[in-house]
PDB file of N, CA and C in Angstrom:
ATOM      1  N   MET A   1     -18.772 -14.712 -34.985  1.00  0.00           N
ATOM      2  CA  MET A   1     -19.414 -14.356 -36.222  1.00  0.00           C
ATOM      3  C   MET A   1     -20.729 -15.137 -36.304  1.00  0.00           C
ATOM      4  N   TYR A   2     -21.751 -14.461 -36.747  1.00  0.00           N
ATOM      5  CA  TYR A   2     -23.066 -15.070 -36.861  1.00  0.00           C
ATOM      6  C   TYR A   2     -23.351 -15.364 -38.326  1.00  0.00           C
ATOM      7  N   GLU A   3     -23.683 -16.608 -38.606  1.00  0.00           N
ATOM      8  CA  GLU A   3     -23.894 -17.042 -39.980  1.00  0.00           C
ATOM      9  C   GLU A   3     -25.349 -16.880 -40.391  1.00  0.00           C
ATOM     10  N   THR A   4     -25.531 -16.668 -41.699  1.00  0.00           N
ATOM     11  CA  THR A   4     -26.863 -16.632 -42.294  1.00  0.00           C
ATOM     12  C   THR A   4     -27.032 -17.942 -43.045  1.00  0.00           C
ATOM     13  N   VAL A   5     -27.861 -18.843 -42.516  1.00  0.00           N
ATOM     14  CA  VAL A   5     -27.974 -20.183 -43.106  1.00  0.00           C
ATOM     15  C   VAL A   5     -29.149 -20.343 -44.055  1.00  0.00           C
ATOM     16  N   SER A   6     -30.181 -19.499 -43.892  1.00  0.00           N
ATOM     17  CA  SER A   6     -31.328 -19.600 -44.815  1.00  0.00           C
ATOM     18  C   SER A   6     -31.974 -18.226 -44.974  1.00  0.00           C
ATOM     19  N   CYS A   7     -32.668 -18.066 -46.065  1.00  0.00           N
ATOM     20  CA  CYS A   7     -33.362 -16.812 -46.365  1.00  0.00           C
ATOM     21  C   CYS A   7     -34.537 -16.639 -45.399  1.00  0.00           C
ATOM     22  N   VAL A   8     -34.620 -15.484 -44.783  1.00  0.00           N
ATOM     23  CA  VAL A   8     -35.716 -15.241 -43.833  1.00  0.00           C
ATOM     24  C   VAL A   8     -37.050 -15.071 -44.543  1.00  0.00           C
ATOM     25  N   HIS A   9     -37.029 -14.868 -45.857  1.00  0.00           N
ATOM     26  CA  HIS A   9     -38.262 -14.645 -46.615  1.00  0.00           C
ATOM     27  C   HIS A   9     -38.830 -15.934 -47.208  1.00  0.00           C
ATOM     28  N   CYS A  10     -37.946 -16.764 -47.831  1.00  0.00           N
ATOM     29  CA  CYS A  10     -38.441 -17.971 -48.506  1.00  0.00           C
ATOM     30  C   CYS A  10     -37.806 -19.265 -47.981  1.00  0.00           C
ATOM     31  N   GLN A  11     -36.913 -19.176 -46.978  1.00  0.00           N
ATOM     32  CA  GLN A  11     -36.255 -20.314 -46.346  1.00  0.00           C
ATOM     33  C   GLN A  11     -35.285 -21.079 -47.247  1.00  0.00           C
ATOM     34  N   THR A  12     -34.853 -20.499 -48.379  1.00  0.00           N
ATOM     35  CA  THR A  12     -33.859 -21.140 -49.238  1.00  0.00           C
ATOM     36  C   THR A  12     -32.527 -21.198 -48.506  1.00  0.00           C
ATOM     37  N   SER A  13     -31.836 -22.298 -48.657  1.00  0.00           N
ATOM     38  CA  SER A  13     -30.533 -22.440 -48.013  1.00  0.00           C
ATOM     39  C   SER A  13     -29.532 -21.452 -48.594  1.00  0.00           C
ATOM     40  N   LEU A  14     -28.782 -20.810 -47.717  1.00  0.00           N
ATOM     41  CA  LEU A  14     -27.748 -19.857 -48.130  1.00  0.00           C
ATOM     42  C   LEU A  14     -26.353 -20.354 -47.754  1.00  0.00           C
ATOM     43  N   CYS A  15     -26.234 -21.624 -47.412  1.00  0.00           N
ATOM     44  CA  CYS A  15     -24.962 -22.189 -46.954  1.00  0.00           C
ATOM     45  C   CYS A  15     -23.866 -22.094 -48.015  1.00  0.00           C
ATOM     46  N   ASP A  16     -24.219 -22.260 -49.296  1.00  0.00           N
ATOM     47  CA  ASP A  16     -23.213 -22.228 -50.363  1.00  0.00           C
ATOM     48  C   ASP A  16     -23.086 -20.856 -51.017  1.00  0.00           C
ATOM     49  N   VAL A  17     -23.843 -19.879 -50.533  1.00  0.00           N
ATOM     50  CA  VAL A  17     -23.802 -18.535 -51.116  1.00  0.00           C
ATOM     51  C   VAL A  17     -22.652 -17.762 -50.468  1.00  0.00           C
ATOM     52  N   PRO A  18     -21.773 -17.155 -51.272  1.00  0.00           N
ATOM     53  CA  PRO A  18     -20.658 -16.392 -50.678  1.00  0.00           C
ATOM     54  C   PRO A  18     -21.151 -15.153 -49.928  1.00  0.00           C
ATOM     55  N   VAL A  19     -20.417 -14.776 -48.917  1.00  0.00           N
ATOM     56  CA  VAL A  19     -20.755 -13.589 -48.115  1.00  0.00           C
ATOM     57  C   VAL A  19     -20.462 -12.355 -48.951  1.00  0.00           C
ATOM     58  N   SER A  20     -21.412 -11.442 -49.047  1.00  0.00           N
ATOM     59  CA  SER A  20     -21.197 -10.218 -49.832  1.00  0.00           C
ATOM     60  C   SER A  20     -20.657  -9.082 -48.962  1.00  0.00           C
ATOM     61  N   GLU A  21     -21.009  -9.066 -47.679  1.00  0.00           N
ATOM     62  CA  GLU A  21     -20.484  -8.069 -46.745  1.00  0.00           C
ATOM     63  C   GLU A  21     -20.844  -8.483 -45.316  1.00  0.00           C
ATOM     64  N   TYR A  22     -20.348  -7.732 -44.363  1.00  0.00           N
ATOM     65  CA  TYR A  22     -20.649  -7.988 -42.950  1.00  0.00           C
ATOM     66  C   TYR A  22     -21.269  -6.746 -42.328  1.00  0.00           C
ATOM     67  N   GLU A  23     -22.198  -6.967 -41.450  1.00  0.00           N
ATOM     68  CA  GLU A  23     -22.745  -5.878 -40.634  1.00  0.00           C
ATOM     69  C   GLU A  23     -22.109  -6.014 -39.257  1.00  0.00           C
ATOM     70  N   ASN A  24     -21.609  -4.930 -38.751  1.00  0.00           N
ATOM     71  CA  ASN A  24     -20.925  -4.958 -37.449  1.00  0.00           C
ATOM     72  C   ASN A  24     -21.746  -4.263 -36.374  1.00  0.00           C
ATOM     73  N   ARG A  25     -21.663  -4.789 -35.180  1.00  0.00           N
ATOM     74  CA  ARG A  25     -22.240  -4.158 -34.001  1.00  0.00           C
ATOM     75  C   ARG A  25     -21.227  -4.304 -32.870  1.00  0.00           C
ATOM     76  N   GLN A  26     -21.081  -3.274 -32.069  1.00  0.00           N
ATOM     77  CA  GLN A  26     -20.106  -3.296 -30.990  1.00  0.00           C
ATOM     78  C   GLN A  26     -20.799  -3.035 -29.655  1.00  0.00           C
ATOM     79  N   VAL A  27     -20.289  -3.676 -28.629  1.00  0.00           N
ATOM     80  CA  VAL A  27     -20.788  -3.486 -27.264  1.00  0.00           C
ATOM     81  C   VAL A  27     -19.618  -3.004 -26.411  1.00  0.00           C
ATOM     82  N   PHE A  28     -19.776  -1.857 -25.806  1.00  0.00           N
ATOM     83  CA  PHE A  28     -18.751  -1.312 -24.923  1.00  0.00           C
ATOM     84  C   PHE A  28     -19.181  -1.538 -23.483  1.00  0.00           C
ATOM     85  N   ASP A  29     -18.245  -1.963 -22.662  1.00  0.00           N
ATOM     86  CA  ASP A  29     -18.541  -2.202 -21.253  1.00  0.00           C
ATOM     87  C   ASP A  29     -17.302  -1.876 -20.446  1.00  0.00           C
ATOM     88  N   ILE A  30     -17.479  -1.699 -19.164  1.00  0.00           N
ATOM     89  CA  ILE A  30     -16.365  -1.432 -18.262  1.00  0.00           C
ATOM     90  C   ILE A  30     -16.001  -2.746 -17.589  1.00  0.00           C
ATOM     91  N   PRO A  31     -14.715  -3.126 -17.608  1.00  0.00           N
ATOM     92  CA  PRO A  31     -14.343  -4.376 -16.949  1.00  0.00           C
ATOM     93  C   PRO A  31     -14.597  -4.309 -15.450  1.00  0.00           C
ATOM     94  N   ALA A  32     -14.824  -5.459 -14.861  1.00  0.00           N
ATOM     95  CA  ALA A  32     -15.076  -5.526 -13.423  1.00  0.00           C
ATOM     96  C   ALA A  32     -13.873  -4.984 -12.663  1.00  0.00           C
ATOM     97  N   ILE A  33     -14.158  -4.197 -11.655  1.00  0.00           N
ATOM     98  CA  ILE A  33     -13.113  -3.630 -10.817  1.00  0.00           C
ATOM     99  C   ILE A  33     -12.947  -4.542  -9.609  1.00  0.00           C
ATOM    100  N   HIS A  34     -11.727  -4.740  -9.198  1.00  0.00           N
ATOM    101  CA  HIS A  34     -11.492  -5.586  -8.035  1.00  0.00           C
ATOM    102  C   HIS A  34     -10.677  -4.826  -6.993  1.00  0.00           C
ATOM    103  N   ILE A  35     -10.903  -5.161  -5.762  1.00  0.00           N
ATOM    104  CA  ILE A  35     -10.160  -4.560  -4.660  1.00  0.00           C
ATOM    105  C   ILE A  35      -8.823  -5.272  -4.544  1.00  0.00           C
ATOM    106  N   GLU A  36      -7.776  -4.509  -4.431  1.00  0.00           N
ATOM    107  CA  GLU A  36      -6.445  -5.060  -4.210  1.00  0.00           C
ATOM    108  C   GLU A  36      -6.015  -4.674  -2.803  1.00  0.00           C
ATOM    109  N   VAL A  37      -5.792  -5.663  -1.966  1.00  0.00           N
ATOM    110  CA  VAL A  37      -5.392  -5.431  -0.581  1.00  0.00           C
ATOM    111  C   VAL A  37      -3.917  -5.781  -0.438  1.00  0.00           C
ATOM    112  N   THR A  38      -3.157  -4.838   0.073  1.00  0.00           N
ATOM    113  CA  THR A  38      -1.740  -5.063   0.350  1.00  0.00           C
ATOM    114  C   THR A  38      -1.569  -5.065   1.860  1.00  0.00           C
ATOM    115  N   GLU A  39      -1.120  -6.185   2.390  1.00  0.00           N
ATOM    116  CA  GLU A  39      -0.916  -6.267   3.838  1.00  0.00           C
ATOM    117  C   GLU A  39       0.552  -6.006   4.145  1.00  0.00           C
ATOM    118  N   HIS A  40       0.784  -5.093   5.062  1.00  0.00           N
ATOM    119  CA  HIS A  40       2.134  -4.777   5.516  1.00  0.00           C
ATOM    120  C   HIS A  40       2.318  -5.392   6.898  1.00  0.00           C
ATOM    121  N   LYS A  41       3.432  -6.042   7.126  1.00  0.00           N
ATOM    122  CA  LYS A  41       3.705  -6.658   8.423  1.00  0.00           C
ATOM    123  C   LYS A  41       4.991  -6.074   8.991  1.00  0.00           C
ATOM    124  N   ALA A  42       4.943  -5.711  10.250  1.00  0.00           N
ATOM    125  CA  ALA A  42       6.135  -5.231  10.945  1.00  0.00           C
ATOM    126  C   ALA A  42       6.438  -6.210  12.073  1.00  0.00           C
ATOM    127  N   GLU A  43       7.681  -6.579  12.185  1.00  0.00           N
ATOM    128  CA  GLU A  43       8.083  -7.504  13.239  1.00  0.00           C
ATOM    129  C   GLU A  43       7.922  -6.865  14.615  1.00  0.00           C
ATOM    130  N   VAL A  44       7.589  -7.696  15.577  1.00  0.00           N
ATOM    131  CA  VAL A  44       7.556  -7.289  16.979  1.00  0.00           C
ATOM    132  C   VAL A  44       8.506  -8.235  17.708  1.00  0.00           C
ATOM    133  N   LYS A  45       9.479  -7.646  18.372  1.00  0.00           N
ATOM    134  CA  LYS A  45      10.470  -8.451  19.102  1.00  0.00           C
ATOM    135  C   LYS A  45      10.666  -7.874  20.499  1.00  0.00           C
ATOM    136  N   PHE A  46      10.940  -8.777  21.420  1.00  0.00           N
ATOM    137  CA  PHE A  46      11.248  -8.357  22.780  1.00  0.00           C
ATOM    138  C   PHE A  46      12.746  -8.515  23.017  1.00  0.00           C
ATOM    139  N   CYS A  47      13.334  -7.470  23.539  1.00  0.00           N
ATOM    140  CA  CYS A  47      14.762  -7.468  23.806  1.00  0.00           C
ATOM    141  C   CYS A  47      15.080  -8.453  24.939  1.00  0.00           C
ATOM    142  N   PRO A  48      16.007  -9.378  24.692  1.00  0.00           N
ATOM    143  CA  PRO A  48      16.348 -10.346  25.746  1.00  0.00           C
ATOM    144  C   PRO A  48      17.100  -9.699  26.914  1.00  0.00           C
ATOM    145  N   GLN A  49      17.673  -8.522  26.675  1.00  0.00           N
ATOM    146  CA  GLN A  49      18.440  -7.841  27.720  1.00  0.00           C
ATOM    147  C   GLN A  49      17.523  -7.081  28.680  1.00  0.00           C
ATOM    148  N   CYS A  50      16.638  -6.207  28.097  1.00  0.00           N
ATOM    149  CA  CYS A  50      15.805  -5.354  28.969  1.00  0.00           C
ATOM    150  C   CYS A  50      14.342  -5.759  28.992  1.00  0.00           C
ATOM    151  N   GLY A  51      13.940  -6.655  28.087  1.00  0.00           N
ATOM    152  CA  GLY A  51      12.557  -7.117  28.062  1.00  0.00           C
ATOM    153  C   GLY A  51      11.587  -6.162  27.381  1.00  0.00           C
ATOM    154  N   LYS A  52      12.068  -5.059  26.818  1.00  0.00           N
ATOM    155  CA  LYS A  52      11.192  -4.065  26.170  1.00  0.00           C
ATOM    156  C   LYS A  52      10.795  -4.531  24.765  1.00  0.00           C
ATOM    157  N   MET A  53       9.587  -4.126  24.371  1.00  0.00           N
ATOM    158  CA  MET A  53       9.060  -4.473  23.053  1.00  0.00           C
ATOM    159  C   MET A  53       9.636  -3.521  22.004  1.00  0.00           C
ATOM    160  N   ASN A  54       9.973  -4.059  20.844  1.00  0.00           N
ATOM    161  CA  ASN A  54      10.471  -3.291  19.704  1.00  0.00           C
ATOM    162  C   ASN A  54       9.659  -3.677  18.480  1.00  0.00           C
ATOM    163  N   LYS A  55       9.258  -2.670  17.675  1.00  0.00           N
ATOM    164  CA  LYS A  55       8.455  -2.916  16.476  1.00  0.00           C
ATOM    165  C   LYS A  55       9.185  -2.409  15.246  1.00  0.00           C
ATOM    166  N   GLY A  56       8.992  -3.126  14.120  1.00  0.00           N
ATOM    167  CA  GLY A  56       9.510  -2.660  12.842  1.00  0.00           C
ATOM    168  C   GLY A  56       8.769  -1.410  12.412  1.00  0.00           C
ATOM    169  N   VAL A  57       9.344  -0.683  11.471  1.00  0.00           N
ATOM    170  CA  VAL A  57       8.765   0.577  11.009  1.00  0.00           C
ATOM    171  C   VAL A  57       8.019   0.349   9.689  1.00  0.00           C
ATOM    172  N   PHE A  58       6.751   0.778   9.654  1.00  0.00           N
ATOM    173  CA  PHE A  58       5.945   0.704   8.439  1.00  0.00           C
ATOM    174  C   PHE A  58       6.339   1.837   7.500  1.00  0.00           C
ATOM    175  N   PRO A  59       6.029   1.705   6.202  1.00  0.00           N
ATOM    176  CA  PRO A  59       6.243   2.837   5.300  1.00  0.00           C
ATOM    177  C   PRO A  59       5.461   4.053   5.794  1.00  0.00           C
ATOM    178  N   GLN A  60       5.961   5.241   5.508  1.00  0.00           N
ATOM    179  CA  GLN A  60       5.359   6.476   6.009  1.00  0.00           C
ATOM    180  C   GLN A  60       3.893   6.610   5.624  1.00  0.00           C
ATOM    181  N   GLU A  61       3.522   6.170   4.420  1.00  0.00           N
ATOM    182  CA  GLU A  61       2.133   6.320   3.955  1.00  0.00           C
ATOM    183  C   GLU A  61       1.183   5.309   4.596  1.00  0.00           C
ATOM    184  N   VAL A  62       1.713   4.331   5.321  1.00  0.00           N
ATOM    185  CA  VAL A  62       0.883   3.332   6.003  1.00  0.00           C
ATOM    186  C   VAL A  62       0.873   3.690   7.492  1.00  0.00           C
ATOM    187  N   SER A  63      -0.081   4.558   7.842  1.00  0.00           N
ATOM    188  CA  SER A  63      -0.087   5.101   9.198  1.00  0.00           C
ATOM    189  C   SER A  63      -1.185   4.537  10.099  1.00  0.00           C
ATOM    190  N   GLN A  64      -2.109   3.752   9.545  1.00  0.00           N
ATOM    191  CA  GLN A  64      -3.240   3.229  10.307  1.00  0.00           C
ATOM    192  C   GLN A  64      -3.357   1.716  10.098  1.00  0.00           C
ATOM    193  N   PRO A  65      -4.035   1.012  11.037  1.00  0.00           N
ATOM    194  CA  PRO A  65      -4.209  -0.441  10.871  1.00  0.00           C
ATOM    195  C   PRO A  65      -4.972  -0.816   9.597  1.00  0.00           C
ATOM    196  N   VAL A  66      -5.955   0.014   9.216  1.00  0.00           N
ATOM    197  CA  VAL A  66      -6.718  -0.176   7.976  1.00  0.00           C
ATOM    198  C   VAL A  66      -6.921   1.205   7.380  1.00  0.00           C
ATOM    199  N   GLN A  67      -6.647   1.347   6.088  1.00  0.00           N
ATOM    200  CA  GLN A  67      -6.820   2.649   5.457  1.00  0.00           C
ATOM    201  C   GLN A  67      -7.035   2.491   3.969  1.00  0.00           C
ATOM    202  N   TYR A  68      -7.474   3.567   3.318  1.00  0.00           N
ATOM    203  CA  TYR A  68      -7.689   3.568   1.880  1.00  0.00           C
ATOM    204  C   TYR A  68      -6.401   3.934   1.161  1.00  0.00           C
ATOM    205  N   GLY A  69      -6.225   3.363  -0.024  1.00  0.00           N
ATOM    206  CA  GLY A  69      -5.047   3.647  -0.834  1.00  0.00           C
ATOM    207  C   GLY A  69      -5.233   4.898  -1.677  1.00  0.00           C
ATOM    208  N   ASP A  70      -4.191   5.258  -2.395  1.00  0.00           N
ATOM    209  CA  ASP A  70      -4.196   6.483  -3.192  1.00  0.00           C
ATOM    210  C   ASP A  70      -5.267   6.494  -4.273  1.00  0.00           C
ATOM    211  N   ASN A  71      -5.550   5.343  -4.902  1.00  0.00           N
ATOM    212  CA  ASN A  71      -6.573   5.310  -5.955  1.00  0.00           C
ATOM    213  C   ASN A  71      -7.967   5.565  -5.398  1.00  0.00           C
ATOM    214  N   VAL A  72      -8.277   4.999  -4.240  1.00  0.00           N
ATOM    215  CA  VAL A  72      -9.580   5.243  -3.613  1.00  0.00           C
ATOM    216  C   VAL A  72      -9.696   6.716  -3.243  1.00  0.00           C
ATOM    217  N   LYS A  73      -8.651   7.260  -2.659  1.00  0.00           N
ATOM    218  CA  LYS A  73      -8.659   8.680  -2.270  1.00  0.00           C
ATOM    219  C   LYS A  73      -8.829   9.586  -3.488  1.00  0.00           C
ATOM    220  N   SER A  74      -8.134   9.262  -4.579  1.00  0.00           N
ATOM    221  CA  SER A  74      -8.224  10.122  -5.764  1.00  0.00           C
ATOM    222  C   SER A  74      -9.626  10.095  -6.371  1.00  0.00           C
ATOM    223  N   HIS A  75     -10.300   8.947  -6.330  1.00  0.00           N
ATOM    224  CA  HIS A  75     -11.681   8.891  -6.825  1.00  0.00           C
ATOM    225  C   HIS A  75     -12.602   9.739  -5.958  1.00  0.00           C
ATOM    226  N   ALA A  76     -12.423   9.684  -4.652  1.00  0.00           N
ATOM    227  CA  ALA A  76     -13.256  10.494  -3.755  1.00  0.00           C
ATOM    228  C   ALA A  76     -13.053  11.984  -4.025  1.00  0.00           C
ATOM    229  N   VAL A  77     -11.816  12.400  -4.197  1.00  0.00           N
ATOM    230  CA  VAL A  77     -11.524  13.808  -4.503  1.00  0.00           C
ATOM    231  C   VAL A  77     -12.124  14.190  -5.849  1.00  0.00           C
ATOM    232  N   TYR A  78     -12.016  13.295  -6.829  1.00  0.00           N
ATOM    233  CA  TYR A  78     -12.586  13.549  -8.154  1.00  0.00           C
ATOM    234  C   TYR A  78     -14.098  13.768  -8.073  1.00  0.00           C
ATOM    235  N   PHE A  79     -14.810  12.881  -7.387  1.00  0.00           N
ATOM    236  CA  PHE A  79     -16.271  13.040  -7.252  1.00  0.00           C
ATOM    237  C   PHE A  79     -16.617  14.348  -6.555  1.00  0.00           C
ATOM    238  N   ASN A  80     -15.911  14.633  -5.473  1.00  0.00           N
ATOM    239  CA  ASN A  80     -16.218  15.796  -4.654  1.00  0.00           C
ATOM    240  C   ASN A  80     -15.845  17.103  -5.347  1.00  0.00           C
ATOM    241  N   ASN A  81     -14.651  17.201  -5.884  1.00  0.00           N
ATOM    242  CA  ASN A  81     -14.184  18.474  -6.442  1.00  0.00           C
ATOM    243  C   ASN A  81     -14.617  18.706  -7.884  1.00  0.00           C
ATOM    244  N   TYR A  82     -14.509  17.707  -8.721  1.00  0.00           N
ATOM    245  CA  TYR A  82     -14.824  17.908 -10.130  1.00  0.00           C
ATOM    246  C   TYR A  82     -16.328  17.870 -10.386  1.00  0.00           C
ATOM    247  N   HIS A  83     -17.014  16.918  -9.765  1.00  0.00           N
ATOM    248  CA  HIS A  83     -18.455  16.769  -9.989  1.00  0.00           C
ATOM    249  C   HIS A  83     -19.298  17.473  -8.936  1.00  0.00           C
ATOM    250  N   HIS A  84     -18.644  18.089  -7.966  1.00  0.00           N
ATOM    251  CA  HIS A  84     -19.328  18.868  -6.923  1.00  0.00           C
ATOM    252  C   HIS A  84     -20.330  18.030  -6.129  1.00  0.00           C
ATOM    253  N   ILE A  85     -19.998  16.769  -5.921  1.00  0.00           N
ATOM    254  CA  ILE A  85     -20.836  15.905  -5.093  1.00  0.00           C
ATOM    255  C   ILE A  85     -20.462  16.179  -3.641  1.00  0.00           C
ATOM    256  N   PRO A  86     -21.453  16.446  -2.778  1.00  0.00           N
ATOM    257  CA  PRO A  86     -21.144  16.757  -1.378  1.00  0.00           C
ATOM    258  C   PRO A  86     -20.357  15.625  -0.700  1.00  0.00           C
ATOM    259  N   VAL A  87     -19.616  15.978   0.331  1.00  0.00           N
ATOM    260  CA  VAL A  87     -18.746  15.030   1.026  1.00  0.00           C
ATOM    261  C   VAL A  87     -19.536  13.824   1.534  1.00  0.00           C
ATOM    262  N   ALA A  88     -20.693  14.059   2.161  1.00  0.00           N
ATOM    263  CA  ALA A  88     -21.488  12.949   2.695  1.00  0.00           C
ATOM    264  C   ALA A  88     -21.939  12.007   1.578  1.00  0.00           C
ATOM    265  N   ARG A  89     -22.356  12.561   0.455  1.00  0.00           N
ATOM    266  CA  ARG A  89     -22.799  11.728  -0.672  1.00  0.00           C
ATOM    267  C   ARG A  89     -21.610  11.001  -1.298  1.00  0.00           C
ATOM    268  N   THR A  90     -20.456  11.670  -1.377  1.00  0.00           N
ATOM    269  CA  THR A  90     -19.243  11.016  -1.874  1.00  0.00           C
ATOM    270  C   THR A  90     -18.889   9.828  -0.991  1.00  0.00           C
ATOM    271  N   ALA A  91     -19.016  10.003   0.331  1.00  0.00           N
ATOM    272  CA  ALA A  91     -18.740   8.902   1.268  1.00  0.00           C
ATOM    273  C   ALA A  91     -19.695   7.740   1.025  1.00  0.00           C
ATOM    274  N   GLU A  92     -20.968   8.035   0.755  1.00  0.00           N
ATOM    275  CA  GLU A  92     -21.944   6.977   0.452  1.00  0.00           C
ATOM    276  C   GLU A  92     -21.563   6.229  -0.826  1.00  0.00           C
ATOM    277  N   ILE A  93     -21.207   6.981  -1.858  1.00  0.00           N
ATOM    278  CA  ILE A  93     -20.822   6.371  -3.137  1.00  0.00           C
ATOM    279  C   ILE A  93     -19.622   5.455  -2.937  1.00  0.00           C
ATOM    280  N   MET A  94     -18.606   5.960  -2.231  1.00  0.00           N
ATOM    281  CA  MET A  94     -17.391   5.170  -2.026  1.00  0.00           C
ATOM    282  C   MET A  94     -17.689   3.913  -1.207  1.00  0.00           C
ATOM    283  N   ALA A  95     -18.513   4.027  -0.172  1.00  0.00           N
ATOM    284  CA  ALA A  95     -18.863   2.866   0.655  1.00  0.00           C
ATOM    285  C   ALA A  95     -19.595   1.815  -0.182  1.00  0.00           C
ATOM    286  N   GLU A  96     -20.536   2.258  -1.007  1.00  0.00           N
ATOM    287  CA  GLU A  96     -21.275   1.320  -1.858  1.00  0.00           C
ATOM    288  C   GLU A  96     -20.363   0.654  -2.877  1.00  0.00           C
ATOM    289  N   CYS A  97     -19.459   1.432  -3.465  1.00  0.00           N
ATOM    290  CA  CYS A  97     -18.522   0.865  -4.443  1.00  0.00           C
ATOM    291  C   CYS A  97     -17.614  -0.170  -3.791  1.00  0.00           C
ATOM    292  N   ILE A  98     -17.115   0.142  -2.623  1.00  0.00           N
ATOM    293  CA  ILE A  98     -16.212  -0.784  -1.943  1.00  0.00           C
ATOM    294  C   ILE A  98     -16.943  -2.081  -1.577  1.00  0.00           C
ATOM    295  N   LEU A  99     -18.175  -1.973  -1.111  1.00  0.00           N
ATOM    296  CA  LEU A  99     -18.963  -3.176  -0.818  1.00  0.00           C
ATOM    297  C   LEU A  99     -19.207  -3.990  -2.087  1.00  0.00           C
ATOM    298  N   LEU A 100     -19.516  -3.304  -3.167  1.00  0.00           N
ATOM    299  CA  LEU A 100     -19.761  -3.969  -4.451  1.00  0.00           C
ATOM    300  C   LEU A 100     -18.493  -4.676  -4.919  1.00  0.00           C
ATOM    301  N   PHE A 101     -17.347  -3.997  -4.830  1.00  0.00           N
ATOM    302  CA  PHE A 101     -16.086  -4.582  -5.301  1.00  0.00           C
ATOM    303  C   PHE A 101     -15.710  -5.809  -4.494  1.00  0.00           C
ATOM    304  N   GLN A 102     -16.053  -5.839  -3.221  1.00  0.00           N
ATOM    305  CA  GLN A 102     -15.728  -6.983  -2.379  1.00  0.00           C
ATOM    306  C   GLN A 102     -16.529  -8.212  -2.780  1.00  0.00           C
ATOM    307  N   GLN A 103     -17.690  -8.002  -3.406  1.00  0.00           N
ATOM    308  CA  GLN A 103     -18.548  -9.118  -3.806  1.00  0.00           C
ATOM    309  C   GLN A 103     -18.091  -9.732  -5.122  1.00  0.00           C
ATOM    310  N   ILE A 104     -17.294  -8.993  -5.882  1.00  0.00           N
ATOM    311  CA  ILE A 104     -16.854  -9.481  -7.203  1.00  0.00           C
ATOM    312  C   ILE A 104     -15.749 -10.482  -7.050  1.00  0.00           C
TER     313      ILE A 104
END
């Protein structure tokens, strides 16, 4: 809250004068977005009997060493399909956003 301590016209003190009303102003902003990285680990073991390597199974949706999650994909589809932004430009937007989010 911002106080009015003196008259802007004659500089009389207003400290003891009761408040008659308030003027409000609002600022809307978007909170900072952050990247959330989930690392999945699968065990690698060698069989003592045959010496062959065995690996744990990742969840079906985790098919690559590094990939985008569902929220990133949905934003790309939204830009491309709803706003009719071409695929190449959508890729540029997403790359810039991801770089920006990593700096936050």
